[in-house]
PDB file of N, CA and C in Angstrom:
ATOM      1  N   MET A   1      78.085 105.895 109.609  1.00  0.00           N
ATOM      2  CA  MET A   1      77.952 104.543 108.621  1.00  0.00           C
ATOM      3  C   MET A   1      76.232 104.523 108.843  1.00  0.00           C
ATOM      4  N   VAL A   2      76.310 103.370 107.747  1.00  0.00           N
ATOM      5  CA  VAL A   2      74.897 103.087 107.384  1.00  0.00           C
ATOM      6  C   VAL A   2      75.426 101.764 107.132  1.00  0.00           C
ATOM      7  N   ASN A   3      74.886 101.043 107.784  1.00  0.00           N
ATOM      8  CA  ASN A   3      74.823  99.012 107.984  1.00  0.00           C
ATOM      9  C   ASN A   3      76.259  99.042 107.997  1.00  0.00           C
ATOM     10  N   GLY A   4      77.439  99.731 108.440  1.00  0.00           N
ATOM     11  CA  GLY A   4      78.656  99.429 108.966  1.00  0.00           C
ATOM     12  C   GLY A   4      79.377  99.655 107.621  1.00  0.00           C
ATOM     13  N   ILE A   5      78.707 100.392 106.819  1.00  0.00           N
ATOM     14  CA  ILE A   5      79.417 101.015 105.712  1.00  0.00           C
ATOM     15  C   ILE A   5      79.660 102.208 105.712  1.00  0.00           C
ATOM     16  N   ASP A   6      81.098 102.958 105.367  1.00  0.00           N
ATOM     17  CA  ASP A   6      81.095 104.897 105.198  1.00  0.00           C
ATOM     18  C   ASP A   6      79.393 105.279 104.318  1.00  0.00           C
ATOM     19  N   ALA A   7      79.212 106.082 104.779  1.00  0.00           N
ATOM     20  CA  ALA A   7      78.401 107.088 104.469  1.00  0.00           C
ATOM     21  C   ALA A   7      78.930 107.993 103.061  1.00  0.00           C
ATOM     22  N   SER A   8      80.247 108.589 103.028  1.00  0.00           N
ATOM     23  CA  SER A   8      80.665 108.755 102.215  1.00  0.00           C
ATOM     24  C   SER A   8      80.920 108.759 100.908  1.00  0.00           C
ATOM     25  N   ILE A   9      80.937 107.021 101.476  1.00  0.00           N
ATOM     26  CA  ILE A   9      81.075 106.659  99.678  1.00  0.00           C
ATOM     27  C   ILE A   9      79.865 106.064  98.769  1.00  0.00           C
ATOM     28  N   THR A  10      79.753 106.672  97.904  1.00  0.00           N
ATOM     29  CA  THR A  10      78.310 107.212  96.996  1.00  0.00           C
ATOM     30  C   THR A  10      78.441 106.355  95.962  1.00  0.00           C
ATOM     31  N   GLU A  11      79.565 105.640  95.886  1.00  0.00           N
ATOM     32  CA  GLU A  11      79.180 104.411  93.917  1.00  0.00           C
ATOM     33  C   GLU A  11      78.386 103.094  94.798  1.00  0.00           C
ATOM     34  N   MET A  12      77.753 102.586  93.630  1.00  0.00           N
ATOM     35  CA  MET A  12      76.994 101.524  94.387  1.00  0.00           C
ATOM     36  C   MET A  12      78.340 100.477  94.876  1.00  0.00           C
ATOM     37  N   ALA A  13      79.210 100.429  93.224  1.00  0.00           N
ATOM     38  CA  ALA A  13      79.878  98.963  92.892  1.00  0.00           C
ATOM     39  C   ALA A  13      80.888  98.684  94.687  1.00  0.00           C
ATOM     40  N   GLU A  14      81.623 100.675  95.014  1.00  0.00           N
ATOM     41  CA  GLU A  14      82.596 100.515  95.692  1.00  0.00           C
ATOM     42  C   GLU A  14      81.616  99.767  97.651  1.00  0.00           C
ATOM     43  N   ARG A  15      80.521 100.342  97.223  1.00  0.00           N
ATOM     44  CA  ARG A  15      79.477 100.065  99.036  1.00  0.00           C
ATOM     45  C   ARG A  15      79.515  98.151  99.107  1.00  0.00           C
ATOM     46  N   ASN A  16      79.185  98.151  97.424  1.00  0.00           N
ATOM     47  CA  ASN A  16      78.991  96.327  97.126  1.00  0.00           C
ATOM     48  C   ASN A  16      80.855  95.734  97.600  1.00  0.00           C
ATOM     49  N   LYS A  17      81.467  96.691  97.496  1.00  0.00           N
ATOM     50  CA  LYS A  17      83.175  95.801  97.342  1.00  0.00           C
ATOM     51  C   LYS A  17      83.023  95.774  99.290  1.00  0.00           C
ATOM     52  N   MET A  18      82.620  96.700  99.562  1.00  0.00           N
ATOM     53  CA  MET A  18      82.871  97.181 100.882  1.00  0.00           C
ATOM     54  C   MET A  18      81.784  96.263 102.650  1.00  0.00           C
ATOM     55  N   ARG A  19      80.721  96.315 101.511  1.00  0.00           N
ATOM     56  CA  ARG A  19      79.933  94.810 102.081  1.00  0.00           C
ATOM     57  C   ARG A  19      80.018  93.310 102.066  1.00  0.00           C
ATOM     58  N   ASP A  20      81.493  93.016 100.853  1.00  0.00           N
ATOM     59  CA  ASP A  20      81.369  92.176 100.542  1.00  0.00           C
ATOM     60  C   ASP A  20      82.880  91.314 101.303  1.00  0.00           C
ATOM     61  N   ALA A  21      83.776  92.422 101.001  1.00  0.00           N
ATOM     62  CA  ALA A  21      84.780  92.363 102.675  1.00  0.00           C
ATOM     63  C   ALA A  21      84.440  92.047 104.177  1.00  0.00           C
ATOM     64  N   MET A  22      83.122  93.037 104.429  1.00  0.00           N
ATOM     65  CA  MET A  22      82.904  93.302 105.689  1.00  0.00           C
ATOM     66  C   MET A  22      81.972  91.470 105.878  1.00  0.00           C
ATOM     67  N   ASP A  23      81.223  91.080 104.630  1.00  0.00           N
ATOM     68  CA  ASP A  23      81.184  90.055 105.351  1.00  0.00           C
ATOM     69  C   ASP A  23      81.791  88.638 105.013  1.00  0.00           C
ATOM     70  N   LEU A  24      83.053  88.687 104.459  1.00  0.00           N
ATOM     71  CA  LEU A  24      83.816  87.778 104.959  1.00  0.00           C
ATOM     72  C   LEU A  24      84.992  87.945 105.920  1.00  0.00           C
ATOM     73  N   MET A  25      85.266  89.455 106.428  1.00  0.00           N
ATOM     74  CA  MET A  25      86.291  89.052 107.299  1.00  0.00           C
ATOM     75  C   MET A  25      85.291  88.893 108.674  1.00  0.00           C
ATOM     76  N   GLU A  26      83.700  88.875 108.798  1.00  0.00           N
ATOM     77  CA  GLU A  26      82.420  88.122 109.894  1.00  0.00           C
ATOM     78  C   GLU A  26      82.809  86.623 109.625  1.00  0.00           C
ATOM     79  N   LYS A  27      83.121  85.710 108.638  1.00  0.00           N
ATOM     80  CA  LYS A  27      82.750  84.935 108.353  1.00  0.00           C
ATOM     81  C   LYS A  27      84.093  84.131 108.371  1.00  0.00           C
ATOM     82  N   LEU A  28      85.444  84.710 108.137  1.00  0.00           N
ATOM     83  CA  LEU A  28      86.571  83.998 107.897  1.00  0.00           C
ATOM     84  C   LEU A  28      87.493  83.133 109.318  1.00  0.00           C
ATOM     85  N   PRO A  29      86.677  83.617 110.507  1.00  0.00           N
ATOM     86  CA  PRO A  29      87.192  82.934 111.701  1.00  0.00           C
ATOM     87  C   PRO A  29      86.451  80.929 112.019  1.00  0.00           C
ATOM     88  N   MET A  30      85.489  81.431 110.987  1.00  0.00           N
ATOM     89  CA  MET A  30      84.742  79.949 110.958  1.00  0.00           C
ATOM     90  C   MET A  30      85.618  78.818 109.755  1.00  0.00           C
ATOM     91  N   ILE A  31      86.584  79.769 108.859  1.00  0.00           N
ATOM     92  CA  ILE A  31      86.967  78.272 108.048  1.00  0.00           C
ATOM     93  C   ILE A  31      88.729  78.349 108.233  1.00  0.00           C
ATOM     94  N   ALA A  32      88.918  79.418 109.474  1.00  0.00           N
ATOM     95  CA  ALA A  32      90.370  79.657 109.083  1.00  0.00           C
ATOM     96  C   ALA A  32      90.885  79.014 110.452  1.00  0.00           C
ATOM     97  N   SER A  33      91.703  78.108 110.521  1.00  0.00           N
ATOM     98  CA  SER A  33      93.062  77.674 110.994  1.00  0.00           C
ATOM     99  C   SER A  33      93.786  78.317 111.919  1.00  0.00           C
ATOM    100  N   CYS A  34      94.567  77.349 113.051  1.00  0.00           N
ATOM    101  CA  CYS A  34      95.685  78.305 113.352  1.00  0.00           C
ATOM    102  C   CYS A  34      96.466  77.617 114.273  1.00  0.00           C
ATOM    103  N   TYR A  35      98.009  77.692 114.077  1.00  0.00           N
ATOM    104  CA  TYR A  35      98.404  76.960 114.882  1.00  0.00           C
ATOM    105  C   TYR A  35      99.822  77.722 115.461  1.00  0.00           C
ATOM    106  N   VAL A  36     100.221  77.268 116.742  1.00  0.00           N
ATOM    107  CA  VAL A  36     101.354  78.475 117.252  1.00  0.00           C
ATOM    108  C   VAL A  36     102.257  78.034 117.795  1.00  0.00           C
ATOM    109  N   ILE A  37     103.784  78.819 117.316  1.00  0.00           N
ATOM    110  CA  ILE A  37     104.971  79.189 117.524  1.00  0.00           C
ATOM    111  C   ILE A  37     105.323  79.250 118.762  1.00  0.00           C
ATOM    112  N   GLY A  38     106.298  79.039 119.429  1.00  0.00           N
ATOM    113  CA  GLY A  38     107.110  78.182 120.998  1.00  0.00           C
ATOM    114  C   GLY A  38     105.818  78.703 121.971  1.00  0.00           C
ATOM    115  N   GLN A  39     106.757  78.763 123.203  1.00  0.00           N
ATOM    116  CA  GLN A  39     105.635  78.183 124.134  1.00  0.00           C
ATOM    117  C   GLN A  39     105.486  79.797 125.315  1.00  0.00           C
ATOM    118  N   GLY A  40     104.307  79.971 126.371  1.00  0.00           N
ATOM    119  CA  GLY A  40     104.645  80.614 126.765  1.00  0.00           C
ATOM    120  C   GLY A  40     104.239  81.629 126.431  1.00  0.00           C
ATOM    121  N   ILE A  41     105.037  83.119 127.507  1.00  0.00           N
ATOM    122  CA  ILE A  41     104.594  84.660 126.821  1.00  0.00           C
ATOM    123  C   ILE A  41     104.907  85.083 125.605  1.00  0.00           C
ATOM    124  N   GLY A  42     106.202  84.389 125.111  1.00  0.00           N
ATOM    125  CA  GLY A  42     106.607  84.647 123.652  1.00  0.00           C
ATOM    126  C   GLY A  42     106.033  83.578 122.916  1.00  0.00           C
ATOM    127  N   SER A  43     105.202  83.427 123.095  1.00  0.00           N
ATOM    128  CA  SER A  43     104.223  82.580 121.946  1.00  0.00           C
ATOM    129  C   SER A  43     103.513  83.113 120.806  1.00  0.00           C
ATOM    130  N   GLN A  44     103.168  82.878 119.963  1.00  0.00           N
ATOM    131  CA  GLN A  44     101.846  83.860 118.841  1.00  0.00           C
ATOM    132  C   GLN A  44     101.794  82.850 117.974  1.00  0.00           C
ATOM    133  N   ALA A  45      99.847  83.068 117.839  1.00  0.00           N
ATOM    134  CA  ALA A  45      99.538  82.556 116.451  1.00  0.00           C
ATOM    135  C   ALA A  45      99.608  82.451 115.170  1.00  0.00           C
ATOM    136  N   VAL A  46      99.686  81.891 114.243  1.00  0.00           N
ATOM    137  CA  VAL A  46      99.687  81.817 113.001  1.00  0.00           C
ATOM    138  C   VAL A  46      98.157  81.297 112.415  1.00  0.00           C
ATOM    139  N   TRP A  47      97.373  82.441 111.848  1.00  0.00           N
ATOM    140  CA  TRP A  47      96.289  81.742 111.046  1.00  0.00           C
ATOM    141  C   TRP A  47      96.210  81.153 109.123  1.00  0.00           C
ATOM    142  N   PHE A  48      95.814  80.571 109.418  1.00  0.00           N
ATOM    143  CA  PHE A  48      95.690  80.160 108.142  1.00  0.00           C
ATOM    144  C   PHE A  48      94.316  79.607 107.106  1.00  0.00           C
ATOM    145  N   LEU A  49      94.155  79.564 105.808  1.00  0.00           N
ATOM    146  CA  LEU A  49      92.920  78.995 105.141  1.00  0.00           C
ATOM    147  C   LEU A  49      94.251  77.658 104.187  1.00  0.00           C
ATOM    148  N   ASN A  50      93.597  76.675 104.328  1.00  0.00           N
ATOM    149  CA  ASN A  50      93.686  75.543 103.309  1.00  0.00           C
ATOM    150  C   ASN A  50      93.361  75.449 102.273  1.00  0.00           C
ATOM    151  N   ASP A  51      94.224  75.151 100.871  1.00  0.00           N
ATOM    152  CA  ASP A  51      93.388  75.141  99.478  1.00  0.00           C
ATOM    153  C   ASP A  51      92.615  75.008  99.172  1.00  0.00           C
ATOM    154  N   GLU A  52      92.740  73.909  98.174  1.00  0.00           N
ATOM    155  CA  GLU A  52      91.452  73.217  98.056  1.00  0.00           C
ATOM    156  C   GLU A  52      91.747  71.932  97.805  1.00  0.00           C
ATOM    157  N   VAL A  53      93.655  71.215  97.939  1.00  0.00           N
ATOM    158  CA  VAL A  53      93.343  69.771  98.491  1.00  0.00           C
ATOM    159  C   VAL A  53      93.528  70.013 100.014  1.00  0.00           C
ATOM    160  N   GLY A  54      93.792  70.563 100.617  1.00  0.00           N
ATOM    161  CA  GLY A  54      94.059  70.723 102.353  1.00  0.00           C
ATOM    162  C   GLY A  54      92.509  70.668 102.850  1.00  0.00           C
ATOM    163  N   SER A  55      91.853  71.513 101.927  1.00  0.00           N
ATOM    164  CA  SER A  55      90.308  71.554 102.467  1.00  0.00           C
ATOM    165  C   SER A  55      89.764  69.843 102.332  1.00  0.00           C
ATOM    166  N   ILE A  56      90.118  68.900 101.890  1.00  0.00           N
ATOM    167  CA  ILE A  56      89.494  68.090 101.529  1.00  0.00           C
ATOM    168  C   ILE A  56      90.308  66.881 101.984  1.00  0.00           C
ATOM    169  N   ILE A  57      91.314  67.261 102.698  1.00  0.00           N
ATOM    170  CA  ILE A  57      91.871  66.215 102.938  1.00  0.00           C
ATOM    171  C   ILE A  57      91.647  65.802 104.667  1.00  0.00           C
ATOM    172  N   SER A  58      91.046  64.050 104.910  1.00  0.00           N
ATOM    173  CA  SER A  58      90.182  64.124 106.471  1.00  0.00           C
ATOM    174  C   SER A  58      90.294  62.979 106.828  1.00  0.00           C
ATOM    175  N   HIS A  59      90.436  62.338 107.674  1.00  0.00           N
ATOM    176  CA  HIS A  59      90.636  61.188 108.612  1.00  0.00           C
ATOM    177  C   HIS A  59      89.706  59.633 108.220  1.00  0.00           C
ATOM    178  N   SER A  60      90.122  58.821 107.975  1.00  0.00           N
ATOM    179  CA  SER A  60      89.825  57.361 107.399  1.00  0.00           C
ATOM    180  C   SER A  60      90.611  56.745 108.218  1.00  0.00           C
ATOM    181  N   ASP A  61      89.515  55.822 108.421  1.00  0.00           N
ATOM    182  CA  ASP A  61      89.839  54.011 108.511  1.00  0.00           C
ATOM    183  C   ASP A  61      90.651  53.143 107.481  1.00  0.00           C
ATOM    184  N   THR A  62      89.930  53.255 106.677  1.00  0.00           N
ATOM    185  CA  THR A  62      91.604  52.712 105.457  1.00  0.00           C
ATOM    186  C   THR A  62      91.821  54.116 104.418  1.00  0.00           C
ATOM    187  N   PRO A  63      92.264  54.422 105.523  1.00  0.00           N
ATOM    188  CA  PRO A  63      93.439  55.282 104.520  1.00  0.00           C
ATOM    189  C   PRO A  63      94.073  54.721 102.996  1.00  0.00           C
ATOM    190  N   ASN A  64      94.063  55.742 102.002  1.00  0.00           N
ATOM    191  CA  ASN A  64      94.619  55.673 100.270  1.00  0.00           C
ATOM    192  C   ASN A  64      96.252  57.193  99.903  1.00  0.00           C
ATOM    193  N   VAL A  65      96.314  57.516 101.168  1.00  0.00           N
ATOM    194  CA  VAL A  65      96.826  58.852 100.898  1.00  0.00           C
ATOM    195  C   VAL A  65      97.917  59.000 102.291  1.00  0.00           C
ATOM    196  N   LYS A  66      99.346  59.306 101.844  1.00  0.00           N
ATOM    197  CA  LYS A  66     100.206  59.020 102.927  1.00  0.00           C
ATOM    198  C   LYS A  66     100.584  61.196 102.834  1.00  0.00           C
ATOM    199  N   VAL A  67     100.391  61.693 104.246  1.00  0.00           N
ATOM    200  CA  VAL A  67     100.100  63.170 103.958  1.00  0.00           C
ATOM    201  C   VAL A  67     101.721  63.621 104.670  1.00  0.00           C
ATOM    202  N   ARG A  68     102.152  64.038 104.521  1.00  0.00           N
ATOM    203  CA  ARG A  68     103.236  64.697 105.748  1.00  0.00           C
ATOM    204  C   ARG A  68     103.044  65.972 105.917  1.00  0.00           C
ATOM    205  N   SER A  69     103.233  66.506 107.427  1.00  0.00           N
ATOM    206  CA  SER A  69     102.717  67.961 107.583  1.00  0.00           C
ATOM    207  C   SER A  69     104.054  69.115 107.474  1.00  0.00           C
ATOM    208  N   PHE A  70     104.106  69.850 107.509  1.00  0.00           N
ATOM    209  CA  PHE A  70     105.490  71.221 108.024  1.00  0.00           C
ATOM    210  C   PHE A  70     104.669  71.969 108.254  1.00  0.00           C
ATOM    211  N   ILE A  71     105.547  73.250 108.567  1.00  0.00           N
ATOM    212  CA  ILE A  71     105.316  74.128 109.669  1.00  0.00           C
ATOM    213  C   ILE A  71     106.267  75.818 108.933  1.00  0.00           C
ATOM    214  N   HIS A  72     104.967  76.810 108.394  1.00  0.00           N
ATOM    215  CA  HIS A  72     105.831  77.659 107.439  1.00  0.00           C
ATOM    216  C   HIS A  72     105.644  78.572 108.909  1.00  0.00           C
ATOM    217  N   SER A  73     106.892  79.493 109.327  1.00  0.00           N
ATOM    218  CA  SER A  73     107.184  80.010 110.382  1.00  0.00           C
ATOM    219  C   SER A  73     107.908  81.678 109.906  1.00  0.00           C
ATOM    220  N   PRO A  74     106.194  82.100 109.592  1.00  0.00           N
ATOM    221  CA  PRO A  74     106.860  83.897 108.337  1.00  0.00           C
ATOM    222  C   PRO A  74     107.943  84.445 109.782  1.00  0.00           C
ATOM    223  N   SER A  75     108.683  84.815 108.885  1.00  0.00           N
ATOM    224  CA  SER A  75     110.155  85.840 109.432  1.00  0.00           C
ATOM    225  C   SER A  75     109.604  87.089 109.965  1.00  0.00           C
ATOM    226  N   SER A  76     110.007  87.650 110.741  1.00  0.00           N
ATOM    227  CA  SER A  76     109.622  89.701 110.989  1.00  0.00           C
ATOM    228  C   SER A  76     109.790  90.740 110.524  1.00  0.00           C
ATOM    229  N   GLN A  77     110.914  89.764 109.561  1.00  0.00           N
ATOM    230  CA  GLN A  77     112.245  90.449 109.072  1.00  0.00           C
ATOM    231  C   GLN A  77     111.501  90.198 107.594  1.00  0.00           C
ATOM    232  N   MET A  78     110.255  91.394 106.995  1.00  0.00           N
ATOM    233  CA  MET A  78     109.973  90.786 105.693  1.00  0.00           C
ATOM    234  C   MET A  78     110.539  91.939 104.733  1.00  0.00           C
ATOM    235  N   SER A  79     111.097  91.063 103.007  1.00  0.00           N
ATOM    236  CA  SER A  79     111.883  92.037 102.588  1.00  0.00           C
ATOM    237  C   SER A  79     110.619  92.580 101.190  1.00  0.00           C
ATOM    238  N   ASP A  80     110.454  93.885 100.842  1.00  0.00           N
ATOM    239  CA  ASP A  80     110.127  93.937  99.752  1.00  0.00           C
ATOM    240  C   ASP A  80     110.177  93.692  98.681  1.00  0.00           C
TER     241      ASP A  80
END
């Protein structure tokens, strides 16, 4: 490993992809949001990223739009 990248990767393009992926993984917790499903021991945290619309919505003392929230609850049985 050199600077956190596997030294067996010899092509510069692949090294750059690996570096970019590692940078993204490092910064992801700063921009991701989370909600919790369930209570107690059975609870599960679900991480998500807002799209362009969700990222720009914020509180205002003079609102001009009404937004309804929803919960996405992924199933443990995923189909291919």
